[in-house]
PDB file of N, CA and C in Angstrom:
ATOM      1  N   MET A   1      84.014   6.180 194.684  1.00  0.00           N
ATOM      2  CA  MET A   1      84.251   4.987 193.805  1.00  0.00           C
ATOM      3  C   MET A   1      85.782   4.733 194.097  1.00  0.00           C
ATOM      4  N   ASN A   2      86.181   3.539 194.354  1.00  0.00           N
ATOM      5  CA  ASN A   2      87.482   2.926 194.648  1.00  0.00           C
ATOM      6  C   ASN A   2      87.861   2.349 193.136  1.00  0.00           C
ATOM      7  N   PRO A   3      88.974   2.836 192.488  1.00  0.00           N
ATOM      8  CA  PRO A   3      89.214   2.369 191.204  1.00  0.00           C
ATOM      9  C   PRO A   3      89.660   0.998 191.213  1.00  0.00           C
ATOM     10  N   LEU A   4      90.454   0.569 192.209  1.00  0.00           N
ATOM     11  CA  LEU A   4      90.822  -0.810 192.258  1.00  0.00           C
ATOM     12  C   LEU A   4      89.747  -1.987 192.452  1.00  0.00           C
ATOM     13  N   SER A   5      88.726  -1.437 193.080  1.00  0.00           N
ATOM     14  CA  SER A   5      87.587  -2.441 193.403  1.00  0.00           C
ATOM     15  C   SER A   5      86.211  -2.213 192.584  1.00  0.00           C
ATOM     16  N   ASP A   6      86.123  -0.961 192.006  1.00  0.00           N
ATOM     17  CA  ASP A   6      84.839  -0.708 191.307  1.00  0.00           C
ATOM     18  C   ASP A   6      85.038  -0.595 189.819  1.00  0.00           C
ATOM     19  N   LEU A   7      86.244  -0.381 189.329  1.00  0.00           N
ATOM     20  CA  LEU A   7      86.365  -0.144 188.017  1.00  0.00           C
ATOM     21  C   LEU A   7      86.494  -1.610 187.129  1.00  0.00           C
ATOM     22  N   ASP A   8      85.833  -1.595 186.053  1.00  0.00           N
ATOM     23  CA  ASP A   8      85.828  -2.937 185.288  1.00  0.00           C
ATOM     24  C   ASP A   8      86.908  -2.741 183.986  1.00  0.00           C
ATOM     25  N   ARG A   9      87.010  -1.673 183.309  1.00  0.00           N
ATOM     26  CA  ARG A   9      87.790  -1.649 182.124  1.00  0.00           C
ATOM     27  C   ARG A   9      87.902  -0.175 181.792  1.00  0.00           C
ATOM     28  N   PHE A  10      88.758   0.121 180.869  1.00  0.00           N
ATOM     29  CA  PHE A  10      89.051   1.343 180.173  1.00  0.00           C
ATOM     30  C   PHE A  10      88.705   1.196 178.664  1.00  0.00           C
ATOM     31  N   GLU A  11      87.979   1.998 178.071  1.00  0.00           N
ATOM     32  CA  GLU A  11      87.855   2.005 176.624  1.00  0.00           C
ATOM     33  C   GLU A  11      88.566   2.976 175.846  1.00  0.00           C
ATOM     34  N   VAL A  12      89.307   2.701 174.871  1.00  0.00           N
ATOM     35  CA  VAL A  12      90.085   3.566 174.032  1.00  0.00           C
ATOM     36  C   VAL A  12      89.436   3.828 172.719  1.00  0.00           C
ATOM     37  N   TYR A  13      89.243   5.135 172.564  1.00  0.00           N
ATOM     38  CA  TYR A  13      88.513   5.492 171.148  1.00  0.00           C
ATOM     39  C   TYR A  13      89.560   6.301 170.473  1.00  0.00           C
ATOM     40  N   VAL A  14      89.549   6.100 169.179  1.00  0.00           N
ATOM     41  CA  VAL A  14      90.441   6.812 168.208  1.00  0.00           C
ATOM     42  C   VAL A  14      89.672   7.215 166.916  1.00  0.00           C
ATOM     43  N   ASN A  15      89.856   8.320 166.518  1.00  0.00           N
ATOM     44  CA  ASN A  15      89.372   8.742 165.262  1.00  0.00           C
ATOM     45  C   ASN A  15      90.086  10.024 164.717  1.00  0.00           C
ATOM     46  N   GLU A  16      89.750  10.391 163.443  1.00  0.00           N
ATOM     47  CA  GLU A  16      90.542  11.646 162.808  1.00  0.00           C
ATOM     48  C   GLU A  16      89.727  12.780 163.017  1.00  0.00           C
ATOM     49  N   SER A  17      88.622  12.871 163.536  1.00  0.00           N
ATOM     50  CA  SER A  17      87.906  14.139 163.701  1.00  0.00           C
ATOM     51  C   SER A  17      88.214  14.751 165.100  1.00  0.00           C
ATOM     52  N   GLY A  18      88.359  13.980 166.161  1.00  0.00           N
ATOM     53  CA  GLY A  18      88.516  14.539 167.481  1.00  0.00           C
ATOM     54  C   GLY A  18      87.279  14.718 168.214  1.00  0.00           C
ATOM     55  N   SER A  19      86.134  14.350 167.614  1.00  0.00           N
ATOM     56  CA  SER A  19      84.814  14.473 168.212  1.00  0.00           C
ATOM     57  C   SER A  19      84.279  13.031 168.641  1.00  0.00           C
ATOM     58  N   PHE A  20      83.867  12.846 169.847  1.00  0.00           N
ATOM     59  CA  PHE A  20      83.543  11.486 170.397  1.00  0.00           C
ATOM     60  C   PHE A  20      82.151  11.742 170.900  1.00  0.00           C
ATOM     61  N   ASP A  21      81.080  10.861 170.478  1.00  0.00           N
ATOM     62  CA  ASP A  21      79.681  11.200 171.031  1.00  0.00           C
ATOM     63  C   ASP A  21      79.073   9.856 171.555  1.00  0.00           C
ATOM     64  N   GLY A  22      79.829   8.778 171.633  1.00  0.00           N
ATOM     65  CA  GLY A  22      79.369   7.530 172.139  1.00  0.00           C
ATOM     66  C   GLY A  22      78.829   6.639 171.139  1.00  0.00           C
ATOM     67  N   SER A  23      78.758   7.001 169.886  1.00  0.00           N
ATOM     68  CA  SER A  23      78.274   6.058 168.810  1.00  0.00           C
ATOM     69  C   SER A  23      79.372   5.243 168.229  1.00  0.00           C
ATOM     70  N   GLU A  24      80.652   5.721 168.670  1.00  0.00           N
ATOM     71  CA  GLU A  24      81.774   4.932 168.057  1.00  0.00           C
ATOM     72  C   GLU A  24      81.998   3.633 168.957  1.00  0.00           C
ATOM     73  N   VAL A  25      82.726   2.721 168.314  1.00  0.00           N
ATOM     74  CA  VAL A  25      83.045   1.390 168.958  1.00  0.00           C
ATOM     75  C   VAL A  25      84.568   1.634 169.487  1.00  0.00           C
ATOM     76  N   PRO A  26      84.849   1.268 170.602  1.00  0.00           N
ATOM     77  CA  PRO A  26      86.269   1.359 171.160  1.00  0.00           C
ATOM     78  C   PRO A  26      87.115   0.546 170.295  1.00  0.00           C
ATOM     79  N   GLN A  27      88.267   1.166 170.054  1.00  0.00           N
ATOM     80  CA  GLN A  27      89.334   0.659 169.348  1.00  0.00           C
ATOM     81  C   GLN A  27      90.354  -0.468 170.155  1.00  0.00           C
ATOM     82  N   ALA A  28      90.162  -0.101 171.429  1.00  0.00           N
ATOM     83  CA  ALA A  28      90.814  -1.159 172.434  1.00  0.00           C
ATOM     84  C   ALA A  28      90.294  -1.216 173.602  1.00  0.00           C
ATOM     85  N   VAL A  29      90.141  -2.151 174.384  1.00  0.00           N
ATOM     86  CA  VAL A  29      89.430  -2.352 175.754  1.00  0.00           C
ATOM     87  C   VAL A  29      90.611  -2.822 176.717  1.00  0.00           C
ATOM     88  N   LEU A  30      90.889  -2.160 177.657  1.00  0.00           N
ATOM     89  CA  LEU A  30      92.009  -2.682 178.734  1.00  0.00           C
ATOM     90  C   LEU A  30      91.154  -2.895 180.013  1.00  0.00           C
ATOM     91  N   ARG A  31      91.718  -3.963 180.679  1.00  0.00           N
ATOM     92  CA  ARG A  31      91.306  -4.212 181.950  1.00  0.00           C
ATOM     93  C   ARG A  31      91.664  -2.999 182.930  1.00  0.00           C
ATOM     94  N   ALA A  32      90.898  -2.651 183.723  1.00  0.00           N
ATOM     95  CA  ALA A  32      91.113  -1.649 184.692  1.00  0.00           C
ATOM     96  C   ALA A  32      92.300  -1.878 185.751  1.00  0.00           C
ATOM     97  N   VAL A  33      92.343  -3.226 186.179  1.00  0.00           N
ATOM     98  CA  VAL A  33      93.283  -3.607 186.999  1.00  0.00           C
ATOM     99  C   VAL A  33      93.992  -4.797 186.497  1.00  0.00           C
ATOM    100  N   ASP A  34      95.409  -4.774 186.379  1.00  0.00           N
ATOM    101  CA  ASP A  34      96.250  -5.701 185.871  1.00  0.00           C
ATOM    102  C   ASP A  34      96.157  -6.924 187.025  1.00  0.00           C
ATOM    103  N   PRO A  35      95.640  -8.157 186.499  1.00  0.00           N
ATOM    104  CA  PRO A  35      95.457  -9.180 187.322  1.00  0.00           C
ATOM    105  C   PRO A  35      96.904  -9.786 188.023  1.00  0.00           C
ATOM    106  N   ALA A  36      97.927  -9.569 187.259  1.00  0.00           N
ATOM    107  CA  ALA A  36      99.268 -10.078 187.775  1.00  0.00           C
ATOM    108  C   ALA A  36      99.726  -9.089 188.971  1.00  0.00           C
ATOM    109  N   THR A  37      99.612  -7.724 188.806  1.00  0.00           N
ATOM    110  CA  THR A  37     100.087  -6.963 189.962  1.00  0.00           C
ATOM    111  C   THR A  37      99.175  -6.323 190.812  1.00  0.00           C
ATOM    112  N   LEU A  38      97.742  -6.398 190.489  1.00  0.00           N
ATOM    113  CA  LEU A  38      96.679  -5.837 191.134  1.00  0.00           C
ATOM    114  C   LEU A  38      96.842  -4.439 191.290  1.00  0.00           C
ATOM    115  N   GLN A  39      97.457  -3.868 190.297  1.00  0.00           N
ATOM    116  CA  GLN A  39      97.645  -2.209 190.136  1.00  0.00           C
ATOM    117  C   GLN A  39      96.599  -1.831 189.051  1.00  0.00           C
ATOM    118  N   LEU A  40      96.402  -0.580 189.133  1.00  0.00           N
ATOM    119  CA  LEU A  40      95.628   0.095 188.022  1.00  0.00           C
ATOM    120  C   LEU A  40      96.426   0.200 186.828  1.00  0.00           C
ATOM    121  N   THR A  41      95.614  -0.057 185.746  1.00  0.00           N
ATOM    122  CA  THR A  41      96.359   0.012 184.278  1.00  0.00           C
ATOM    123  C   THR A  41      96.574   1.552 184.176  1.00  0.00           C
ATOM    124  N   THR A  42      97.787   1.916 183.719  1.00  0.00           N
ATOM    125  CA  THR A  42      98.219   3.359 183.563  1.00  0.00           C
ATOM    126  C   THR A  42      98.737   3.493 182.279  1.00  0.00           C
ATOM    127  N   SER A  43      99.024   2.449 181.448  1.00  0.00           N
ATOM    128  CA  SER A  43      99.593   2.847 180.039  1.00  0.00           C
ATOM    129  C   SER A  43      98.938   1.862 179.008  1.00  0.00           C
ATOM    130  N   PHE A  44      99.088   2.290 177.800  1.00  0.00           N
ATOM    131  CA  PHE A  44      98.830   1.496 176.658  1.00  0.00           C
ATOM    132  C   PHE A  44      99.574   2.113 175.399  1.00  0.00           C
ATOM    133  N   ASN A  45     100.087   1.213 174.548  1.00  0.00           N
ATOM    134  CA  ASN A  45     100.723   1.641 173.388  1.00  0.00           C
ATOM    135  C   ASN A  45      99.803   1.786 172.183  1.00  0.00           C
ATOM    136  N   LEU A  46      99.653   2.843 171.603  1.00  0.00           N
ATOM    137  CA  LEU A  46      98.635   3.173 170.583  1.00  0.00           C
ATOM    138  C   LEU A  46      99.119   2.499 169.294  1.00  0.00           C
ATOM    139  N   ALA A  47     100.246   2.108 169.293  1.00  0.00           N
ATOM    140  CA  ALA A  47     100.788   1.197 168.018  1.00  0.00           C
ATOM    141  C   ALA A  47     100.279  -0.005 168.035  1.00  0.00           C
ATOM    142  N   ASN A  48      99.680  -0.449 169.096  1.00  0.00           N
ATOM    143  CA  ASN A  48      99.033  -1.897 169.154  1.00  0.00           C
ATOM    144  C   ASN A  48      97.587  -1.805 168.397  1.00  0.00           C
ATOM    145  N   ILE A  49      97.239  -0.603 168.132  1.00  0.00           N
ATOM    146  CA  ILE A  49      95.941  -0.597 167.253  1.00  0.00           C
ATOM    147  C   ILE A  49      96.250  -0.765 165.870  1.00  0.00           C
ATOM    148  N   THR A  50      95.892  -1.720 165.291  1.00  0.00           N
ATOM    149  CA  THR A  50      96.365  -2.271 163.882  1.00  0.00           C
ATOM    150  C   THR A  50      95.732  -1.314 162.702  1.00  0.00           C
ATOM    151  N   ALA A  51      94.702  -0.770 163.008  1.00  0.00           N
ATOM    152  CA  ALA A  51      93.893  -0.010 162.080  1.00  0.00           C
ATOM    153  C   ALA A  51      94.530   1.334 161.654  1.00  0.00           C
ATOM    154  N   LEU A  52      95.375   1.743 162.553  1.00  0.00           N
ATOM    155  CA  LEU A  52      96.178   3.144 162.374  1.00  0.00           C
ATOM    156  C   LEU A  52      97.181   3.040 161.367  1.00  0.00           C
ATOM    157  N   THR A  53      97.337   4.196 160.597  1.00  0.00           N
ATOM    158  CA  THR A  53      98.421   4.111 159.636  1.00  0.00           C
ATOM    159  C   THR A  53      99.294   5.190 159.769  1.00  0.00           C
ATOM    160  N   ILE A  54     100.510   5.393 159.205  1.00  0.00           N
ATOM    161  CA  ILE A  54     101.352   6.307 159.245  1.00  0.00           C
ATOM    162  C   ILE A  54     100.892   7.502 158.464  1.00  0.00           C
ATOM    163  N   GLY A  55     100.845   8.794 158.936  1.00  0.00           N
ATOM    164  CA  GLY A  55     100.695   9.935 158.233  1.00  0.00           C
ATOM    165  C   GLY A  55      99.371  10.815 158.830  1.00  0.00           C
ATOM    166  N   PRO A  56      98.232  10.183 159.046  1.00  0.00           N
ATOM    167  CA  PRO A  56      97.163  10.979 159.445  1.00  0.00           C
ATOM    168  C   PRO A  56      97.342  11.552 160.830  1.00  0.00           C
ATOM    169  N   ARG A  57      96.565  12.542 161.209  1.00  0.00           N
ATOM    170  CA  ARG A  57      96.596  13.055 162.618  1.00  0.00           C
ATOM    171  C   ARG A  57      95.261  12.318 163.167  1.00  0.00           C
ATOM    172  N   TYR A  58      95.493  11.716 164.354  1.00  0.00           N
ATOM    173  CA  TYR A  58      94.523  10.997 164.979  1.00  0.00           C
ATOM    174  C   TYR A  58      94.240  11.655 166.402  1.00  0.00           C
ATOM    175  N   TRP A  59      93.009  11.380 166.953  1.00  0.00           N
ATOM    176  CA  TRP A  59      92.580  11.828 168.286  1.00  0.00           C
ATOM    177  C   TRP A  59      92.219  10.738 169.029  1.00  0.00           C
ATOM    178  N   VAL A  60      92.674  10.756 170.393  1.00  0.00           N
ATOM    179  CA  VAL A  60      92.320   9.548 171.233  1.00  0.00           C
ATOM    180  C   VAL A  60      91.519  10.113 172.388  1.00  0.00           C
ATOM    181  N   SER A  61      90.570   9.312 173.039  1.00  0.00           N
ATOM    182  CA  SER A  61      89.912   9.674 174.150  1.00  0.00           C
ATOM    183  C   SER A  61      89.551   8.517 174.856  1.00  0.00           C
ATOM    184  N   LEU A  62      89.610   8.484 176.169  1.00  0.00           N
ATOM    185  CA  LEU A  62      89.355   7.171 176.924  1.00  0.00           C
ATOM    186  C   LEU A  62      87.853   7.456 177.876  1.00  0.00           C
ATOM    187  N   ARG A  63      87.478   6.232 178.135  1.00  0.00           N
ATOM    188  CA  ARG A  63      86.126   6.203 179.060  1.00  0.00           C
ATOM    189  C   ARG A  63      86.536   5.169 179.959  1.00  0.00           C
ATOM    190  N   ALA A  64      86.161   5.452 181.376  1.00  0.00           N
ATOM    191  CA  ALA A  64      86.407   4.328 182.217  1.00  0.00           C
ATOM    192  C   ALA A  64      84.993   3.736 182.447  1.00  0.00           C
ATOM    193  N   VAL A  65      84.920   2.388 182.705  1.00  0.00           N
ATOM    194  CA  VAL A  65      83.573   1.642 182.883  1.00  0.00           C
ATOM    195  C   VAL A  65      83.804   0.899 184.218  1.00  0.00           C
ATOM    196  N   ALA A  66      82.627   1.270 184.974  1.00  0.00           N
ATOM    197  CA  ALA A  66      82.497   0.580 186.308  1.00  0.00           C
ATOM    198  C   ALA A  66      82.020  -0.840 186.062  1.00  0.00           C
ATOM    199  N   LEU A  67      82.017  -1.614 187.125  1.00  0.00           N
ATOM    200  CA  LEU A  67      81.638  -3.086 187.139  1.00  0.00           C
ATOM    201  C   LEU A  67      80.137  -3.031 187.007  1.00  0.00           C
ATOM    202  N   THR A  68      79.535  -2.057 187.361  1.00  0.00           N
ATOM    203  CA  THR A  68      78.051  -1.824 187.245  1.00  0.00           C
ATOM    204  C   THR A  68      77.514  -1.492 185.799  1.00  0.00           C
ATOM    205  N   GLY A  69      78.680  -1.214 184.888  1.00  0.00           N
ATOM    206  CA  GLY A  69      78.281  -0.831 183.636  1.00  0.00           C
ATOM    207  C   GLY A  69      78.220   0.863 183.369  1.00  0.00           C
ATOM    208  N   LEU A  70      78.362   1.492 184.352  1.00  0.00           N
ATOM    209  CA  LEU A  70      78.231   3.009 184.222  1.00  0.00           C
ATOM    210  C   LEU A  70      79.517   3.498 183.639  1.00  0.00           C
ATOM    211  N   LYS A  71      79.199   4.329 182.473  1.00  0.00           N
ATOM    212  CA  LYS A  71      80.497   4.840 181.912  1.00  0.00           C
ATOM    213  C   LYS A  71      80.819   6.306 182.312  1.00  0.00           C
ATOM    214  N   SER A  72      82.096   6.570 182.209  1.00  0.00           N
ATOM    215  CA  SER A  72      82.397   8.005 182.389  1.00  0.00           C
ATOM    216  C   SER A  72      82.186   8.706 181.266  1.00  0.00           C
ATOM    217  N   ASP A  73      82.322  10.154 181.307  1.00  0.00           N
ATOM    218  CA  ASP A  73      82.383  10.940 180.250  1.00  0.00           C
ATOM    219  C   ASP A  73      83.759  10.601 179.500  1.00  0.00           C
ATOM    220  N   PHE A  74      83.671  10.944 178.143  1.00  0.00           N
ATOM    221  CA  PHE A  74      85.050  10.873 177.503  1.00  0.00           C
ATOM    222  C   PHE A  74      86.028  11.888 178.083  1.00  0.00           C
ATOM    223  N   SER A  75      87.393  11.515 178.120  1.00  0.00           N
ATOM    224  CA  SER A  75      88.419  12.361 178.552  1.00  0.00           C
ATOM    225  C   SER A  75      88.685  13.254 177.502  1.00  0.00           C
ATOM    226  N   PRO A  76      89.211  14.435 177.711  1.00  0.00           N
ATOM    227  CA  PRO A  76      89.565  15.330 176.738  1.00  0.00           C
ATOM    228  C   PRO A  76      90.423  14.775 175.654  1.00  0.00           C
ATOM    229  N   PRO A  77      90.078  14.911 174.356  1.00  0.00           N
ATOM    230  CA  PRO A  77      90.955  14.336 173.317  1.00  0.00           C
ATOM    231  C   PRO A  77      92.309  14.851 173.178  1.00  0.00           C
ATOM    232  N   ALA A  78      93.224  13.981 172.895  1.00  0.00           N
ATOM    233  CA  ALA A  78      94.571  14.446 172.614  1.00  0.00           C
ATOM    234  C   ALA A  78      94.947  13.932 171.177  1.00  0.00           C
ATOM    235  N   SER A  79      95.629  14.649 170.467  1.00  0.00           N
ATOM    236  CA  SER A  79      95.925  14.341 169.069  1.00  0.00           C
ATOM    237  C   SER A  79      97.394  13.704 169.037  1.00  0.00           C
ATOM    238  N   PHE A  80      97.586  12.774 168.077  1.00  0.00           N
ATOM    239  CA  PHE A  80      98.900  12.174 167.720  1.00  0.00           C
ATOM    240  C   PHE A  80      98.925  11.770 166.342  1.00  0.00           C
ATOM    241  N   SER A  81     100.088  11.460 165.891  1.00  0.00           N
ATOM    242  CA  SER A  81     100.267  10.835 164.495  1.00  0.00           C
ATOM    243  C   SER A  81     101.589   9.936 164.525  1.00  0.00           C
ATOM    244  N   PHE A  82     101.646   9.132 163.536  1.00  0.00           N
ATOM    245  CA  PHE A  82     102.844   8.177 163.638  1.00  0.00           C
ATOM    246  C   PHE A  82     103.749   8.689 162.318  1.00  0.00           C
TER     247      PHE A  82
END
């Protein structure tokens, strides 16, 4: 798979449990390739997710989605808080 030509988007999942099973709705969806630079998207600011509040420990995981609709496994979750 060529990420620049075969990927459609990245889905960002956030919850307080750290467990992701596919039943969740992504908190953010990012284009895989930035149309202005034609470069792979490599960053996202979690502070842009308005449903998050200061205090709780959150977990984030990503999925890549191909143009065909095929989804990757969830990335290993990483924790953060504000």
